[in-house]
Amino acid sequence: MSAEGPHNEPRPHLDALIDLSEAGPTDRSSLTEMAVTITVSPLLADTERRQVLRRALVRMLQRFGYVEADEHLLT
């Protein structure tokens, strides 16, 4: 995820565009981007794909300072 704006202006912070308060407090200042890579078979069933995506998003949030984020946040 990244926050984009006009090319000649500073990038906005993600928390100005996305409410991350449900993920809990963060130990970092405002971020302009977060990323996670998911490598998995494209033949996964929908249920498995959602589970993998949920785990990856939680891992991303935790790695970027939202240490209290868990899978229940995304159900």
PDB file of N, CA and C in Angstrom:
ATOM      1  N   MET A   1       0.851  -1.144   0.000  1.00  0.00           N
ATOM      2  CA  MET A   1       0.000   0.000   0.000  1.00  0.00           C
ATOM      3  C   MET A   1       0.901   1.212   0.000  1.00  0.00           C
ATOM      4  N   SER A   2       0.506   2.201  -0.757  1.00  0.00           N
ATOM      5  CA  SER A   2       1.257   3.449  -0.714  1.00  0.00           C
ATOM      6  C   SER A   2       0.299   4.612  -0.887  1.00  0.00           C
ATOM      7  N   ALA A   3       0.661   5.706  -0.283  1.00  0.00           N
ATOM      8  CA  ALA A   3      -0.118   6.934  -0.394  1.00  0.00           C
ATOM      9  C   ALA A   3       0.503   7.783  -1.489  1.00  0.00           C
ATOM     10  N   GLU A   4      -0.292   8.113  -2.463  1.00  0.00           N
ATOM     11  CA  GLU A   4       0.200   8.914  -3.583  1.00  0.00           C
ATOM     12  C   GLU A   4      -0.560  10.235  -3.649  1.00  0.00           C
ATOM     13  N   GLY A   5       0.067  11.213  -4.213  1.00  0.00           N
ATOM     14  CA  GLY A   5      -0.544  12.516  -4.399  1.00  0.00           C
ATOM     15  C   GLY A   5       0.078  13.186  -5.599  1.00  0.00           C
ATOM     16  N   PRO A   6      -0.145  14.468  -5.753  1.00  0.00           N
ATOM     17  CA  PRO A   6       0.477  15.180  -6.869  1.00  0.00           C
ATOM     18  C   PRO A   6       1.999  15.029  -6.833  1.00  0.00           C
ATOM     19  N   HIS A   7       2.584  14.897  -7.994  1.00  0.00           N
ATOM     20  CA  HIS A   7       4.020  14.629  -8.110  1.00  0.00           C
ATOM     21  C   HIS A   7       4.887  15.702  -7.453  1.00  0.00           C
ATOM     22  N   ASN A   8       4.446  16.927  -7.458  1.00  0.00           N
ATOM     23  CA  ASN A   8       5.263  18.026  -6.936  1.00  0.00           C
ATOM     24  C   ASN A   8       5.005  18.304  -5.453  1.00  0.00           C
ATOM     25  N   GLU A   9       4.259  17.428  -4.767  1.00  0.00           N
ATOM     26  CA  GLU A   9       3.976  17.612  -3.346  1.00  0.00           C
ATOM     27  C   GLU A   9       4.463  16.390  -2.559  1.00  0.00           C
ATOM     28  N   PRO A  10       4.726  16.560  -1.267  1.00  0.00           N
ATOM     29  CA  PRO A  10       5.143  15.409  -0.449  1.00  0.00           C
ATOM     30  C   PRO A  10       4.033  14.347  -0.414  1.00  0.00           C
ATOM     31  N   ARG A  11       4.442  13.092  -0.291  1.00  0.00           N
ATOM     32  CA  ARG A  11       3.463  12.013  -0.229  1.00  0.00           C
ATOM     33  C   ARG A  11       2.681  12.084   1.074  1.00  0.00           C
ATOM     34  N   PRO A  12       1.360  11.891   1.000  1.00  0.00           N
ATOM     35  CA  PRO A  12       0.574  11.885   2.242  1.00  0.00           C
ATOM     36  C   PRO A  12       0.862  10.623   3.047  1.00  0.00           C
ATOM     37  N   HIS A  13       0.565  10.658   4.316  1.00  0.00           N
ATOM     38  CA  HIS A  13       0.741   9.503   5.192  1.00  0.00           C
ATOM     39  C   HIS A  13      -0.452   8.568   5.030  1.00  0.00           C
ATOM     40  N   LEU A  14      -0.207   7.266   5.159  1.00  0.00           N
ATOM     41  CA  LEU A  14      -1.281   6.288   5.019  1.00  0.00           C
ATOM     42  C   LEU A  14      -2.422   6.532   6.001  1.00  0.00           C
ATOM     43  N   ASP A  15      -2.092   6.925   7.231  1.00  0.00           N
ATOM     44  CA  ASP A  15      -3.155   7.120   8.218  1.00  0.00           C
ATOM     45  C   ASP A  15      -4.055   8.312   7.902  1.00  0.00           C
ATOM     46  N   ALA A  16      -3.673   9.140   6.947  1.00  0.00           N
ATOM     47  CA  ALA A  16      -4.549  10.212   6.491  1.00  0.00           C
ATOM     48  C   ALA A  16      -5.579   9.681   5.501  1.00  0.00           C
ATOM     49  N   LEU A  17      -5.313   8.516   4.924  1.00  0.00           N
ATOM     50  CA  LEU A  17      -6.193   7.944   3.907  1.00  0.00           C
ATOM     51  C   LEU A  17      -6.896   6.674   4.368  1.00  0.00           C
ATOM     52  N   ILE A  18      -6.283   5.941   5.302  1.00  0.00           N
ATOM     53  CA  ILE A  18      -6.819   4.663   5.773  1.00  0.00           C
ATOM     54  C   ILE A  18      -6.874   4.699   7.297  1.00  0.00           C
ATOM     55  N   ASP A  19      -8.022   4.348   7.853  1.00  0.00           N
ATOM     56  CA  ASP A  19      -8.154   4.290   9.308  1.00  0.00           C
ATOM     57  C   ASP A  19      -7.550   2.985   9.811  1.00  0.00           C
ATOM     58  N   LEU A  20      -6.372   3.063  10.379  1.00  0.00           N
ATOM     59  CA  LEU A  20      -5.679   1.885  10.903  1.00  0.00           C
ATOM     60  C   LEU A  20      -5.838   1.761  12.419  1.00  0.00           C
ATOM     61  N   SER A  21      -6.741   2.529  13.008  1.00  0.00           N
ATOM     62  CA  SER A  21      -6.895   2.519  14.466  1.00  0.00           C
ATOM     63  C   SER A  21      -7.321   1.154  14.999  1.00  0.00           C
ATOM     64  N   GLU A  22      -8.046   0.362  14.217  1.00  0.00           N
ATOM     65  CA  GLU A  22      -8.453  -0.967  14.651  1.00  0.00           C
ATOM     66  C   GLU A  22      -7.266  -1.918  14.784  1.00  0.00           C
ATOM     67  N   ALA A  23      -6.151  -1.592  14.147  1.00  0.00           N
ATOM     68  CA  ALA A  23      -4.950  -2.425  14.233  1.00  0.00           C
ATOM     69  C   ALA A  23      -4.207  -2.201  15.541  1.00  0.00           C
ATOM     70  N   GLY A  24      -4.652  -1.248  16.343  1.00  0.00           N
ATOM     71  CA  GLY A  24      -4.005  -0.954  17.611  1.00  0.00           C
ATOM     72  C   GLY A  24      -2.965   0.138  17.460  1.00  0.00           C
ATOM     73  N   PRO A  25      -2.255   0.419  18.534  1.00  0.00           N
ATOM     74  CA  PRO A  25      -1.234   1.463  18.479  1.00  0.00           C
ATOM     75  C   PRO A  25      -0.036   1.011  17.653  1.00  0.00           C
ATOM     76  N   THR A  26       0.714   1.959  17.170  1.00  0.00           N
ATOM     77  CA  THR A  26       1.928   1.649  16.428  1.00  0.00           C
ATOM     78  C   THR A  26       3.130   2.210  17.177  1.00  0.00           C
ATOM     79  N   ASP A  27       4.265   1.594  16.982  1.00  0.00           N
ATOM     80  CA  ASP A  27       5.491   2.075  17.625  1.00  0.00           C
ATOM     81  C   ASP A  27       6.312   2.915  16.649  1.00  0.00           C
ATOM     82  N   ARG A  28       5.702   3.340  15.557  1.00  0.00           N
ATOM     83  CA  ARG A  28       6.393   4.140  14.547  1.00  0.00           C
ATOM     84  C   ARG A  28       5.622   5.403  14.241  1.00  0.00           C
ATOM     85  N   SER A  29       6.298   6.322  13.567  1.00  0.00           N
ATOM     86  CA  SER A  29       5.611   7.520  13.112  1.00  0.00           C
ATOM     87  C   SER A  29       4.786   7.166  11.873  1.00  0.00           C
ATOM     88  N   SER A  30       4.038   8.093  11.354  1.00  0.00           N
ATOM     89  CA  SER A  30       3.192   7.848  10.192  1.00  0.00           C
ATOM     90  C   SER A  30       4.007   7.357   9.007  1.00  0.00           C
ATOM     91  N   LEU A  31       3.461   6.389   8.300  1.00  0.00           N
ATOM     92  CA  LEU A  31       4.136   5.782   7.160  1.00  0.00           C
ATOM     93  C   LEU A  31       3.497   6.225   5.854  1.00  0.00           C
ATOM     94  N   THR A  32       4.283   6.269   4.794  1.00  0.00           N
ATOM     95  CA  THR A  32       3.740   6.573   3.472  1.00  0.00           C
ATOM     96  C   THR A  32       3.563   5.314   2.646  1.00  0.00           C
ATOM     97  N   GLU A  33       4.108   4.179   3.132  1.00  0.00           N
ATOM     98  CA  GLU A  33       3.909   2.919   2.414  1.00  0.00           C
ATOM     99  C   GLU A  33       4.150   1.727   3.327  1.00  0.00           C
ATOM    100  N   MET A  34       3.508   0.612   2.979  1.00  0.00           N
ATOM    101  CA  MET A  34       3.718  -0.679   3.620  1.00  0.00           C
ATOM    102  C   MET A  34       3.618  -1.724   2.513  1.00  0.00           C
ATOM    103  N   ALA A  35       4.333  -2.831   2.666  1.00  0.00           N
ATOM    104  CA  ALA A  35       4.297  -3.864   1.632  1.00  0.00           C
ATOM    105  C   ALA A  35       4.483  -5.237   2.248  1.00  0.00           C
ATOM    106  N   VAL A  36       3.935  -6.225   1.568  1.00  0.00           N
ATOM    107  CA  VAL A  36       4.113  -7.625   1.926  1.00  0.00           C
ATOM    108  C   VAL A  36       4.068  -8.418   0.625  1.00  0.00           C
ATOM    109  N   THR A  37       4.837  -9.483   0.556  1.00  0.00           N
ATOM    110  CA  THR A  37       4.852 -10.340  -0.626  1.00  0.00           C
ATOM    111  C   THR A  37       4.178 -11.660  -0.291  1.00  0.00           C
ATOM    112  N   ILE A  38       3.321 -12.099  -1.182  1.00  0.00           N
ATOM    113  CA  ILE A  38       2.620 -13.367  -1.009  1.00  0.00           C
ATOM    114  C   ILE A  38       2.991 -14.259  -2.189  1.00  0.00           C
ATOM    115  N   THR A  39       3.585 -15.399  -1.892  1.00  0.00           N
ATOM    116  CA  THR A  39       3.928 -16.371  -2.928  1.00  0.00           C
ATOM    117  C   THR A  39       3.151 -17.643  -2.628  1.00  0.00           C
ATOM    118  N   VAL A  40       2.208 -17.947  -3.502  1.00  0.00           N
ATOM    119  CA  VAL A  40       1.344 -19.102  -3.278  1.00  0.00           C
ATOM    120  C   VAL A  40       0.780 -19.554  -4.618  1.00  0.00           C
ATOM    121  N   SER A  41       0.340 -20.765  -4.677  1.00  0.00           N
ATOM    122  CA  SER A  41      -0.246 -21.313  -5.898  1.00  0.00           C
ATOM    123  C   SER A  41      -1.501 -20.537  -6.294  1.00  0.00           C
ATOM    124  N   PRO A  42      -1.656 -20.208  -7.555  1.00  0.00           N
ATOM    125  CA  PRO A  42      -2.874 -19.518  -7.999  1.00  0.00           C
ATOM    126  C   PRO A  42      -4.097 -20.434  -8.005  1.00  0.00           C
ATOM    127  N   LEU A  43      -3.903 -21.704  -7.720  1.00  0.00           N
ATOM    128  CA  LEU A  43      -5.005 -22.662  -7.748  1.00  0.00           C
ATOM    129  C   LEU A  43      -5.659 -22.867  -6.384  1.00  0.00           C
ATOM    130  N   LEU A  44      -5.341 -22.027  -5.411  1.00  0.00           N
ATOM    131  CA  LEU A  44      -5.951 -22.160  -4.089  1.00  0.00           C
ATOM    132  C   LEU A  44      -7.447 -21.903  -4.167  1.00  0.00           C
ATOM    133  N   ALA A  45      -8.175 -22.606  -3.325  1.00  0.00           N
ATOM    134  CA  ALA A  45      -9.611 -22.348  -3.197  1.00  0.00           C
ATOM    135  C   ALA A  45      -9.814 -20.975  -2.560  1.00  0.00           C
ATOM    136  N   ASP A  46     -10.981 -20.395  -2.760  1.00  0.00           N
ATOM    137  CA  ASP A  46     -11.265 -19.061  -2.222  1.00  0.00           C
ATOM    138  C   ASP A  46     -11.038 -18.968  -0.720  1.00  0.00           C
ATOM    139  N   THR A  47     -11.471 -19.963   0.017  1.00  0.00           N
ATOM    140  CA  THR A  47     -11.309 -19.945   1.476  1.00  0.00           C
ATOM    141  C   THR A  47      -9.833 -19.919   1.852  1.00  0.00           C
ATOM    142  N   GLU A  48      -9.041 -20.743   1.213  1.00  0.00           N
ATOM    143  CA  GLU A  48      -7.600 -20.774   1.498  1.00  0.00           C
ATOM    144  C   GLU A  48      -6.937 -19.467   1.079  1.00  0.00           C
ATOM    145  N   ARG A  49      -7.336 -18.924  -0.057  1.00  0.00           N
ATOM    146  CA  ARG A  49      -6.757 -17.666  -0.533  1.00  0.00           C
ATOM    147  C   ARG A  49      -7.030 -16.538   0.456  1.00  0.00           C
ATOM    148  N   ARG A  50      -8.249 -16.479   0.975  1.00  0.00           N
ATOM    149  CA  ARG A  50      -8.590 -15.437   1.961  1.00  0.00           C
ATOM    150  C   ARG A  50      -7.778 -15.609   3.240  1.00  0.00           C
ATOM    151  N   GLN A  51      -7.586 -16.856   3.656  1.00  0.00           N
ATOM    152  CA  GLN A  51      -6.815 -17.121   4.867  1.00  0.00           C
ATOM    153  C   GLN A  51      -5.353 -16.688   4.693  1.00  0.00           C
ATOM    154  N   VAL A  52      -4.763 -16.998   3.561  1.00  0.00           N
ATOM    155  CA  VAL A  52      -3.380 -16.601   3.276  1.00  0.00           C
ATOM    156  C   VAL A  52      -3.276 -15.082   3.225  1.00  0.00           C
ATOM    157  N   LEU A  53      -4.226 -14.442   2.558  1.00  0.00           N
ATOM    158  CA  LEU A  53      -4.217 -12.971   2.466  1.00  0.00           C
ATOM    159  C   LEU A  53      -4.362 -12.336   3.843  1.00  0.00           C
ATOM    160  N   ARG A  54      -5.267 -12.863   4.658  1.00  0.00           N
ATOM    161  CA  ARG A  54      -5.471 -12.326   6.009  1.00  0.00           C
ATOM    162  C   ARG A  54      -4.188 -12.428   6.822  1.00  0.00           C
ATOM    163  N   ARG A  55      -3.537 -13.582   6.771  1.00  0.00           N
ATOM    164  CA  ARG A  55      -2.281 -13.760   7.517  1.00  0.00           C
ATOM    165  C   ARG A  55      -1.196 -12.815   7.009  1.00  0.00           C
ATOM    166  N   ALA A  56      -1.122 -12.632   5.703  1.00  0.00           N
ATOM    167  CA  ALA A  56      -0.111 -11.747   5.133  1.00  0.00           C
ATOM    168  C   ALA A  56      -0.355 -10.296   5.543  1.00  0.00           C
ATOM    169  N   LEU A  57      -1.605  -9.865   5.531  1.00  0.00           N
ATOM    170  CA  LEU A  57      -1.907  -8.483   5.933  1.00  0.00           C
ATOM    171  C   LEU A  57      -1.591  -8.252   7.403  1.00  0.00           C
ATOM    172  N   VAL A  58      -1.899  -9.229   8.236  1.00  0.00           N
ATOM    173  CA  VAL A  58      -1.568  -9.105   9.661  1.00  0.00           C
ATOM    174  C   VAL A  58      -0.051  -9.057   9.843  1.00  0.00           C
ATOM    175  N   ARG A  59       0.661  -9.906   9.136  1.00  0.00           N
ATOM    176  CA  ARG A  59       2.134  -9.896   9.214  1.00  0.00           C
ATOM    177  C   ARG A  59       2.685  -8.539   8.770  1.00  0.00           C
ATOM    178  N   MET A  60       2.130  -7.977   7.704  1.00  0.00           N
ATOM    179  CA  MET A  60       2.565  -6.670   7.228  1.00  0.00           C
ATOM    180  C   MET A  60       2.329  -5.609   8.302  1.00  0.00           C
ATOM    181  N   LEU A  61       1.138  -5.595   8.870  1.00  0.00           N
ATOM    182  CA  LEU A  61       0.843  -4.617   9.916  1.00  0.00           C
ATOM    183  C   LEU A  61       1.803  -4.758  11.092  1.00  0.00           C
ATOM    184  N   GLN A  62       2.052  -5.995  11.521  1.00  0.00           N
ATOM    185  CA  GLN A  62       2.961  -6.217  12.650  1.00  0.00           C
ATOM    186  C   GLN A  62       4.378  -5.771  12.319  1.00  0.00           C
ATOM    187  N   ARG A  63       4.853  -6.059  11.125  1.00  0.00           N
ATOM    188  CA  ARG A  63       6.221  -5.677  10.719  1.00  0.00           C
ATOM    189  C   ARG A  63       6.381  -4.170  10.591  1.00  0.00           C
ATOM    190  N   PHE A  64       5.265  -3.468  10.368  1.00  0.00           N
ATOM    191  CA  PHE A  64       5.342  -2.023  10.232  1.00  0.00           C
ATOM    192  C   PHE A  64       4.874  -1.309  11.494  1.00  0.00           C
ATOM    193  N   GLY A  65       4.945  -1.996  12.636  1.00  0.00           N
ATOM    194  CA  GLY A  65       4.765  -1.339  13.918  1.00  0.00           C
ATOM    195  C   GLY A  65       3.436  -1.533  14.613  1.00  0.00           C
ATOM    196  N   TYR A  66       2.472  -2.168  13.973  1.00  0.00           N
ATOM    197  CA  TYR A  66       1.190  -2.428  14.615  1.00  0.00           C
ATOM    198  C   TYR A  66       1.256  -3.805  15.272  1.00  0.00           C
ATOM    199  N   VAL A  67       1.998  -3.870  16.385  1.00  0.00           N
ATOM    200  CA  VAL A  67       2.352  -5.146  16.988  1.00  0.00           C
ATOM    201  C   VAL A  67       1.157  -5.892  17.590  1.00  0.00           C
ATOM    202  N   GLU A  68       0.061  -5.213  17.840  1.00  0.00           N
ATOM    203  CA  GLU A  68      -1.117  -5.860  18.419  1.00  0.00           C
ATOM    204  C   GLU A  68      -2.083  -6.378  17.361  1.00  0.00           C
ATOM    205  N   ALA A  69      -1.813  -6.156  16.091  1.00  0.00           N
ATOM    206  CA  ALA A  69      -2.717  -6.618  15.032  1.00  0.00           C
ATOM    207  C   ALA A  69      -2.800  -8.134  15.035  1.00  0.00           C
ATOM    208  N   ASP A  70      -4.003  -8.666  14.832  1.00  0.00           N
ATOM    209  CA  ASP A  70      -4.163 -10.116  14.723  1.00  0.00           C
ATOM    210  C   ASP A  70      -5.239 -10.433  13.681  1.00  0.00           C
ATOM    211  N   GLU A  71      -5.409 -11.702  13.380  1.00  0.00           N
ATOM    212  CA  GLU A  71      -6.314 -12.114  12.308  1.00  0.00           C
ATOM    213  C   GLU A  71      -7.770 -11.769  12.589  1.00  0.00           C
ATOM    214  N   HIS A  72      -8.158 -11.656  13.835  1.00  0.00           N
ATOM    215  CA  HIS A  72      -9.541 -11.307  14.164  1.00  0.00           C
ATOM    216  C   HIS A  72      -9.899  -9.912  13.660  1.00  0.00           C
ATOM    217  N   LEU A  73      -8.906  -9.099  13.466  1.00  0.00           N
ATOM    218  CA  LEU A  73      -9.112  -7.747  12.948  1.00  0.00           C
ATOM    219  C   LEU A  73      -9.740  -7.779  11.550  1.00  0.00           C
ATOM    220  N   LEU A  74      -9.435  -8.800  10.782  1.00  0.00           N
ATOM    221  CA  LEU A  74      -9.854  -8.875   9.387  1.00  0.00           C
ATOM    222  C   LEU A  74     -10.972  -9.872   9.134  1.00  0.00           C
ATOM    223  N   THR A  75     -11.724 -10.236  10.144  1.00  0.00           N
ATOM    224  CA  THR A  75     -12.821 -11.178   9.940  1.00  0.00           C
ATOM    225  C   THR A  75     -14.149 -10.479   9.897  1.00  0.00           C
TER     226      THR A  75
END
